[in-house]
Amino acid sequence: MRRRRVLAESFGILLPALVLVATPRMAHAEPLAQLMVGADGDLVVADTRDRTLGGGVDVRVGFRFGWPRSAFIGRVVSGAMFFQPEAVVGYRQLPFTSEPDDLRIGRASGGLRMGLMPRPCEILFFNHWGSSFGREARLLWDVGTGIDLRSTSMSFGIHATYNHLSDSGAWLEVGPHIEYRSLP
């Protein structure tokens, strides 16, 4: 009986120590949280309402968090992970070819950017919901993906985004983006 208790106590001490040692540690640890400012350039390449090429620009502000240490399986598979709540303000102009008017809208939205950070790249996925403003306010949402070259405080790369404006159709954008991060 005593032997079982000694084994149980030893196991209770050794198991947590083994988990701490076996949990992968990154050679270059990322900061746990960072303030973020970013900018996106957008070229409209496809549209549901016969518009010619259009363009736009976005400015993003947010806060990046490292994935919790308990998510160590993800770090083994893909390197560090992050999630980043952010606010976006932007402008779009999509000229029409079949109508006398064009679409010029401002944008204000919020969303989430998530990503994987295998060095030296960053693979990201994002989604934003908000409102357009200009002639009238309508629901505007987007979903997209991108890939960046990165350092601890900066990243730049390309992205592709599908945008949907409630009753005015949808469009696909591609373009460059840059992001700067700093500790609070």
C-alpha atoms as a PDB file:
ATOM      1  CA  MET A   1       0.000   0.000   0.000  1.00  0.00           C
ATOM      2  CA  ARG A   2       2.778   2.391   0.951  1.00  0.00           C
ATOM      3  CA  ARG A   3       4.602   1.560  -2.281  1.00  0.00           C
ATOM      4  CA  ARG A   4       1.577   2.597  -4.386  1.00  0.00           C
ATOM      5  CA  ARG A   5       1.335   5.894  -2.501  1.00  0.00           C
ATOM      6  CA  VAL A   6       5.050   6.618  -3.058  1.00  0.00           C
ATOM      7  CA  LEU A   7       4.671   5.818  -6.790  1.00  0.00           C
ATOM      8  CA  ALA A   8       1.569   8.045  -7.044  1.00  0.00           C
ATOM      9  CA  GLU A   9       3.328  10.956  -5.335  1.00  0.00           C
ATOM     10  CA  SER A  10       6.423  10.511  -7.497  1.00  0.00           C
ATOM     11  CA  PHE A  11       4.269  10.405 -10.621  1.00  0.00           C
ATOM     12  CA  GLY A  12       2.433  13.551  -9.440  1.00  0.00           C
ATOM     13  CA  ILE A  13       5.745  15.418  -9.175  1.00  0.00           C
ATOM     14  CA  LEU A  14       7.499  13.996 -12.239  1.00  0.00           C
ATOM     15  CA  LEU A  15       4.628  14.375 -14.725  1.00  0.00           C
ATOM     16  CA  PRO A  16       4.364  18.206 -14.497  1.00  0.00           C
ATOM     17  CA  ALA A  17       8.164  18.487 -14.675  1.00  0.00           C
ATOM     18  CA  LEU A  18       8.209  16.268 -17.763  1.00  0.00           C
ATOM     19  CA  VAL A  19       5.481  18.352 -19.450  1.00  0.00           C
ATOM     20  CA  LEU A  20       7.411  21.588 -18.822  1.00  0.00           C
ATOM     21  CA  VAL A  21      10.622  20.126 -20.241  1.00  0.00           C
ATOM     22  CA  ALA A  22       8.903  18.466 -23.201  1.00  0.00           C
ATOM     23  CA  THR A  23       6.869  21.548 -24.208  1.00  0.00           C
ATOM     24  CA  PRO A  24       8.618  23.038 -27.238  1.00  0.00           C
ATOM     25  CA  ARG A  25      10.225  26.395 -26.690  1.00  0.00           C
ATOM     26  CA  MET A  26      10.859  28.858 -29.506  1.00  0.00           C
ATOM     27  CA  ALA A  27      14.457  29.924 -30.022  1.00  0.00           C
ATOM     28  CA  HIS A  28      13.294  33.510 -30.669  1.00  0.00           C
ATOM     29  CA  ALA A  29      10.312  34.009 -28.379  1.00  0.00           C
ATOM     30  CA  GLU A  30       7.633  36.370 -29.644  1.00  0.00           C
ATOM     31  CA  PRO A  31       6.286  39.076 -27.343  1.00  0.00           C
ATOM     32  CA  LEU A  32       3.070  37.981 -25.655  1.00  0.00           C
ATOM     33  CA  ALA A  33       1.061  41.053 -26.768  1.00  0.00           C
ATOM     34  CA  GLN A  34       1.744  44.002 -29.101  1.00  0.00           C
ATOM     35  CA  LEU A  35      -0.047  47.122 -30.317  1.00  0.00           C
ATOM     36  CA  MET A  36      -0.441  47.046 -34.114  1.00  0.00           C
ATOM     37  CA  VAL A  37      -0.866  49.650 -36.887  1.00  0.00           C
ATOM     38  CA  GLY A  38      -1.212  48.516 -40.498  1.00  0.00           C
ATOM     39  CA  ALA A  39      -2.090  49.743 -43.980  1.00  0.00           C
ATOM     40  CA  ASP A  40      -3.524  47.840 -46.965  1.00  0.00           C
ATOM     41  CA  GLY A  41      -3.610  48.763 -50.632  1.00  0.00           C
ATOM     42  CA  ASP A  42      -6.361  47.098 -52.674  1.00  0.00           C
ATOM     43  CA  LEU A  43      -6.896  46.480 -56.373  1.00  0.00           C
ATOM     44  CA  VAL A  44     -10.343  45.175 -57.330  1.00  0.00           C
ATOM     45  CA  VAL A  45      -9.843  42.324 -59.811  1.00  0.00           C
ATOM     46  CA  ALA A  46     -13.351  40.826 -60.101  1.00  0.00           C
ATOM     47  CA  ASP A  47     -16.847  42.120 -59.431  1.00  0.00           C
ATOM     48  CA  THR A  48     -20.430  40.840 -59.592  1.00  0.00           C
ATOM     49  CA  ARG A  49     -21.895  44.024 -61.148  1.00  0.00           C
ATOM     50  CA  ASP A  50     -19.731  44.527 -64.261  1.00  0.00           C
ATOM     51  CA  ARG A  51     -17.449  47.168 -62.777  1.00  0.00           C
ATOM     52  CA  THR A  52     -14.052  47.819 -64.273  1.00  0.00           C
ATOM     53  CA  LEU A  53     -10.932  47.712 -62.117  1.00  0.00           C
ATOM     54  CA  GLY A  54     -11.202  49.707 -58.917  1.00  0.00           C
ATOM     55  CA  GLY A  55      -9.098  50.414 -55.910  1.00  0.00           C
ATOM     56  CA  GLY A  56      -9.015  51.222 -52.266  1.00  0.00           C
ATOM     57  CA  VAL A  57      -6.982  51.690 -49.135  1.00  0.00           C
ATOM     58  CA  ASP A  58      -7.444  50.625 -45.491  1.00  0.00           C
ATOM     59  CA  VAL A  59      -5.810  51.615 -42.216  1.00  0.00           C
ATOM     60  CA  ARG A  60      -5.912  49.073 -39.372  1.00  0.00           C
ATOM     61  CA  VAL A  61      -5.318  49.432 -35.625  1.00  0.00           C
ATOM     62  CA  GLY A  62      -5.401  46.529 -33.198  1.00  0.00           C
ATOM     63  CA  PHE A  63      -3.755  44.478 -30.511  1.00  0.00           C
ATOM     64  CA  ARG A  64      -1.931  41.204 -31.245  1.00  0.00           C
ATOM     65  CA  PHE A  65      -1.906  38.404 -28.701  1.00  0.00           C
ATOM     66  CA  GLY A  66       0.260  35.305 -28.768  1.00  0.00           C
ATOM     67  CA  TRP A  67      -1.645  32.028 -28.593  1.00  0.00           C
ATOM     68  CA  PRO A  68      -1.738  30.611 -25.050  1.00  0.00           C
ATOM     69  CA  ARG A  69       1.186  28.399 -24.009  1.00  0.00           C
ATOM     70  CA  SER A  70      -1.247  25.497 -23.547  1.00  0.00           C
ATOM     71  CA  ALA A  71      -1.680  25.381 -27.325  1.00  0.00           C
ATOM     72  CA  PHE A  72       1.749  23.763 -27.667  1.00  0.00           C
ATOM     73  CA  ILE A  73       0.582  21.201 -30.252  1.00  0.00           C
ATOM     74  CA  GLY A  74       0.040  24.052 -32.710  1.00  0.00           C
ATOM     75  CA  ARG A  75       3.544  25.330 -32.049  1.00  0.00           C
ATOM     76  CA  VAL A  76       5.018  21.917 -32.858  1.00  0.00           C
ATOM     77  CA  VAL A  77       3.100  21.767 -36.142  1.00  0.00           C
ATOM     78  CA  SER A  78       3.270  25.356 -37.359  1.00  0.00           C
ATOM     79  CA  GLY A  79       5.386  27.573 -35.134  1.00  0.00           C
ATOM     80  CA  ALA A  80       3.797  30.268 -32.973  1.00  0.00           C
ATOM     81  CA  MET A  81       0.185  31.356 -33.482  1.00  0.00           C
ATOM     82  CA  PHE A  82      -1.570  34.679 -32.865  1.00  0.00           C
ATOM     83  CA  PHE A  83      -4.975  36.327 -32.830  1.00  0.00           C
ATOM     84  CA  GLN A  84      -5.471  40.037 -33.413  1.00  0.00           C
ATOM     85  CA  PRO A  85      -8.715  41.985 -32.850  1.00  0.00           C
ATOM     86  CA  GLU A  86      -8.604  45.109 -35.019  1.00  0.00           C
ATOM     87  CA  ALA A  87     -10.547  48.135 -36.247  1.00  0.00           C
ATOM     88  CA  VAL A  88     -10.435  49.119 -39.937  1.00  0.00           C
ATOM     89  CA  VAL A  89     -11.185  52.420 -41.680  1.00  0.00           C
ATOM     90  CA  GLY A  90     -10.920  52.654 -45.458  1.00  0.00           C
ATOM     91  CA  TYR A  91     -12.109  53.945 -48.825  1.00  0.00           C
ATOM     92  CA  ARG A  92     -13.147  52.165 -52.061  1.00  0.00           C
ATOM     93  CA  GLN A  93     -13.889  53.377 -55.561  1.00  0.00           C
ATOM     94  CA  LEU A  94     -15.341  50.902 -58.059  1.00  0.00           C
ATOM     95  CA  PRO A  95     -16.252  52.456 -61.420  1.00  0.00           C
ATOM     96  CA  PHE A  96     -19.241  51.017 -63.277  1.00  0.00           C
ATOM     97  CA  THR A  97     -19.076  50.163 -66.970  1.00  0.00           C
ATOM     98  CA  SER A  98     -22.802  49.472 -67.476  1.00  0.00           C
ATOM     99  CA  GLU A  99     -24.237  52.247 -65.276  1.00  0.00           C
ATOM    100  CA  PRO A 100     -23.707  56.024 -65.258  1.00  0.00           C
ATOM    101  CA  ASP A 101     -22.697  56.108 -61.595  1.00  0.00           C
ATOM    102  CA  ASP A 102     -19.796  54.521 -59.742  1.00  0.00           C
ATOM    103  CA  LEU A 103     -19.476  53.153 -56.232  1.00  0.00           C
ATOM    104  CA  ARG A 104     -17.454  55.344 -53.868  1.00  0.00           C
ATOM    105  CA  ILE A 105     -17.707  54.272 -50.263  1.00  0.00           C
ATOM    106  CA  GLY A 106     -15.981  54.763 -46.981  1.00  0.00           C
ATOM    107  CA  ARG A 107     -15.668  51.843 -44.622  1.00  0.00           C
ATOM    108  CA  ALA A 108     -15.621  51.397 -40.837  1.00  0.00           C
ATOM    109  CA  SER A 109     -15.469  47.881 -39.431  1.00  0.00           C
ATOM    110  CA  GLY A 110     -13.998  45.629 -36.818  1.00  0.00           C
ATOM    111  CA  GLY A 111     -12.832  42.062 -36.944  1.00  0.00           C
ATOM    112  CA  LEU A 112     -10.294  39.420 -36.161  1.00  0.00           C
ATOM    113  CA  ARG A 113      -7.036  38.423 -37.814  1.00  0.00           C
ATOM    114  CA  MET A 114      -5.517  35.043 -36.903  1.00  0.00           C
ATOM    115  CA  GLY A 115      -2.314  33.505 -38.105  1.00  0.00           C
ATOM    116  CA  LEU A 116       0.488  31.005 -37.994  1.00  0.00           C
ATOM    117  CA  MET A 117       4.088  32.166 -37.780  1.00  0.00           C
ATOM    118  CA  PRO A 118       6.544  29.612 -39.149  1.00  0.00           C
ATOM    119  CA  ARG A 119       9.760  31.631 -39.556  1.00  0.00           C
ATOM    120  CA  PRO A 120      10.318  33.770 -41.635  1.00  0.00           C
ATOM    121  CA  CYS A 121       6.713  33.812 -42.900  1.00  0.00           C
ATOM    122  CA  GLU A 122       3.322  34.604 -41.463  1.00  0.00           C
ATOM    123  CA  ILE A 123       0.188  32.940 -42.857  1.00  0.00           C
ATOM    124  CA  LEU A 124      -2.938  34.844 -41.905  1.00  0.00           C
ATOM    125  CA  PHE A 125      -6.729  34.631 -42.144  1.00  0.00           C
ATOM    126  CA  PHE A 126      -9.123  37.478 -41.354  1.00  0.00           C
ATOM    127  CA  ASN A 127     -12.763  38.556 -41.254  1.00  0.00           C
ATOM    128  CA  HIS A 128     -14.290  42.017 -40.676  1.00  0.00           C
ATOM    129  CA  TRP A 129     -17.892  43.224 -40.270  1.00  0.00           C
ATOM    130  CA  GLY A 130     -19.009  46.835 -40.388  1.00  0.00           C
ATOM    131  CA  SER A 131     -20.706  49.542 -42.345  1.00  0.00           C
ATOM    132  CA  SER A 132     -20.094  51.493 -45.502  1.00  0.00           C
ATOM    133  CA  PHE A 133     -20.675  55.223 -45.449  1.00  0.00           C
ATOM    134  CA  GLY A 134     -21.070  57.744 -48.221  1.00  0.00           C
ATOM    135  CA  ARG A 135     -24.373  58.028 -50.093  1.00  0.00           C
ATOM    136  CA  GLU A 136     -25.985  55.549 -47.689  1.00  0.00           C
ATOM    137  CA  ALA A 137     -24.898  53.212 -44.919  1.00  0.00           C
ATOM    138  CA  ARG A 138     -25.018  49.496 -45.702  1.00  0.00           C
ATOM    139  CA  LEU A 139     -23.632  46.319 -44.173  1.00  0.00           C
ATOM    140  CA  LEU A 140     -20.132  45.559 -45.489  1.00  0.00           C
ATOM    141  CA  TRP A 141     -18.154  42.430 -44.588  1.00  0.00           C
ATOM    142  CA  ASP A 142     -15.013  40.761 -45.851  1.00  0.00           C
ATOM    143  CA  VAL A 143     -13.071  37.546 -45.486  1.00  0.00           C
ATOM    144  CA  GLY A 144      -9.519  36.992 -46.665  1.00  0.00           C
ATOM    145  CA  THR A 145      -6.102  35.447 -46.418  1.00  0.00           C
ATOM    146  CA  GLY A 146      -2.532  36.608 -46.850  1.00  0.00           C
ATOM    147  CA  ILE A 147       1.134  35.744 -46.516  1.00  0.00           C
ATOM    148  CA  ASP A 148       3.853  37.976 -45.056  1.00  0.00           C
ATOM    149  CA  LEU A 149       7.568  38.144 -44.538  1.00  0.00           C
ATOM    150  CA  ARG A 150       8.038  39.100 -40.925  1.00  0.00           C
ATOM    151  CA  SER A 151      10.285  40.215 -38.135  1.00  0.00           C
ATOM    152  CA  THR A 152       9.490  40.722 -34.456  1.00  0.00           C
ATOM    153  CA  SER A 153       8.068  44.225 -35.001  1.00  0.00           C
ATOM    154  CA  MET A 154       7.141  44.407 -38.728  1.00  0.00           C
ATOM    155  CA  SER A 155       5.603  42.371 -41.482  1.00  0.00           C
ATOM    156  CA  PHE A 156       4.740  43.026 -45.123  1.00  0.00           C
ATOM    157  CA  GLY A 157       3.184  40.891 -47.808  1.00  0.00           C
ATOM    158  CA  ILE A 158       0.176  40.336 -50.058  1.00  0.00           C
ATOM    159  CA  HIS A 159      -3.458  39.513 -49.374  1.00  0.00           C
ATOM    160  CA  ALA A 160      -6.626  38.472 -51.207  1.00  0.00           C
ATOM    161  CA  THR A 161     -10.028  39.566 -49.878  1.00  0.00           C
ATOM    162  CA  TYR A 162     -13.645  38.807 -50.784  1.00  0.00           C
ATOM    163  CA  ASN A 163     -15.881  41.822 -49.955  1.00  0.00           C
ATOM    164  CA  HIS A 164     -19.690  41.872 -49.841  1.00  0.00           C
ATOM    165  CA  LEU A 165     -21.768  45.064 -49.678  1.00  0.00           C
ATOM    166  CA  SER A 166     -25.383  44.188 -48.725  1.00  0.00           C
ATOM    167  CA  ASP A 167     -27.401  44.955 -51.893  1.00  0.00           C
ATOM    168  CA  SER A 168     -24.643  46.333 -54.134  1.00  0.00           C
ATOM    169  CA  GLY A 169     -22.827  43.129 -54.988  1.00  0.00           C
ATOM    170  CA  ALA A 170     -19.451  41.698 -54.109  1.00  0.00           C
ATOM    171  CA  TRP A 171     -15.884  41.981 -55.322  1.00  0.00           C
ATOM    172  CA  LEU A 172     -12.479  40.354 -54.992  1.00  0.00           C
ATOM    173  CA  GLU A 173      -9.427  42.439 -54.047  1.00  0.00           C
ATOM    174  CA  VAL A 174      -5.709  41.723 -54.018  1.00  0.00           C
ATOM    175  CA  GLY A 175      -2.928  43.960 -52.835  1.00  0.00           C
ATOM    176  CA  PRO A 176       0.038  44.666 -50.611  1.00  0.00           C
ATOM    177  CA  HIS A 177      -0.061  45.380 -46.893  1.00  0.00           C
ATOM    178  CA  ILE A 178       2.375  46.434 -44.204  1.00  0.00           C
ATOM    179  CA  GLU A 179       2.098  46.219 -40.443  1.00  0.00           C
ATOM    180  CA  TYR A 180       4.118  47.640 -37.563  1.00  0.00           C
ATOM    181  CA  ARG A 181       3.885  46.214 -34.029  1.00  0.00           C
ATOM    182  CA  SER A 182       5.179  47.577 -30.739  1.00  0.00           C
ATOM    183  CA  LEU A 183       5.017  46.592 -27.098  1.00  0.00           C
ATOM    184  CA  PRO A 184       2.521  48.692 -25.102  1.00  0.00           C
END
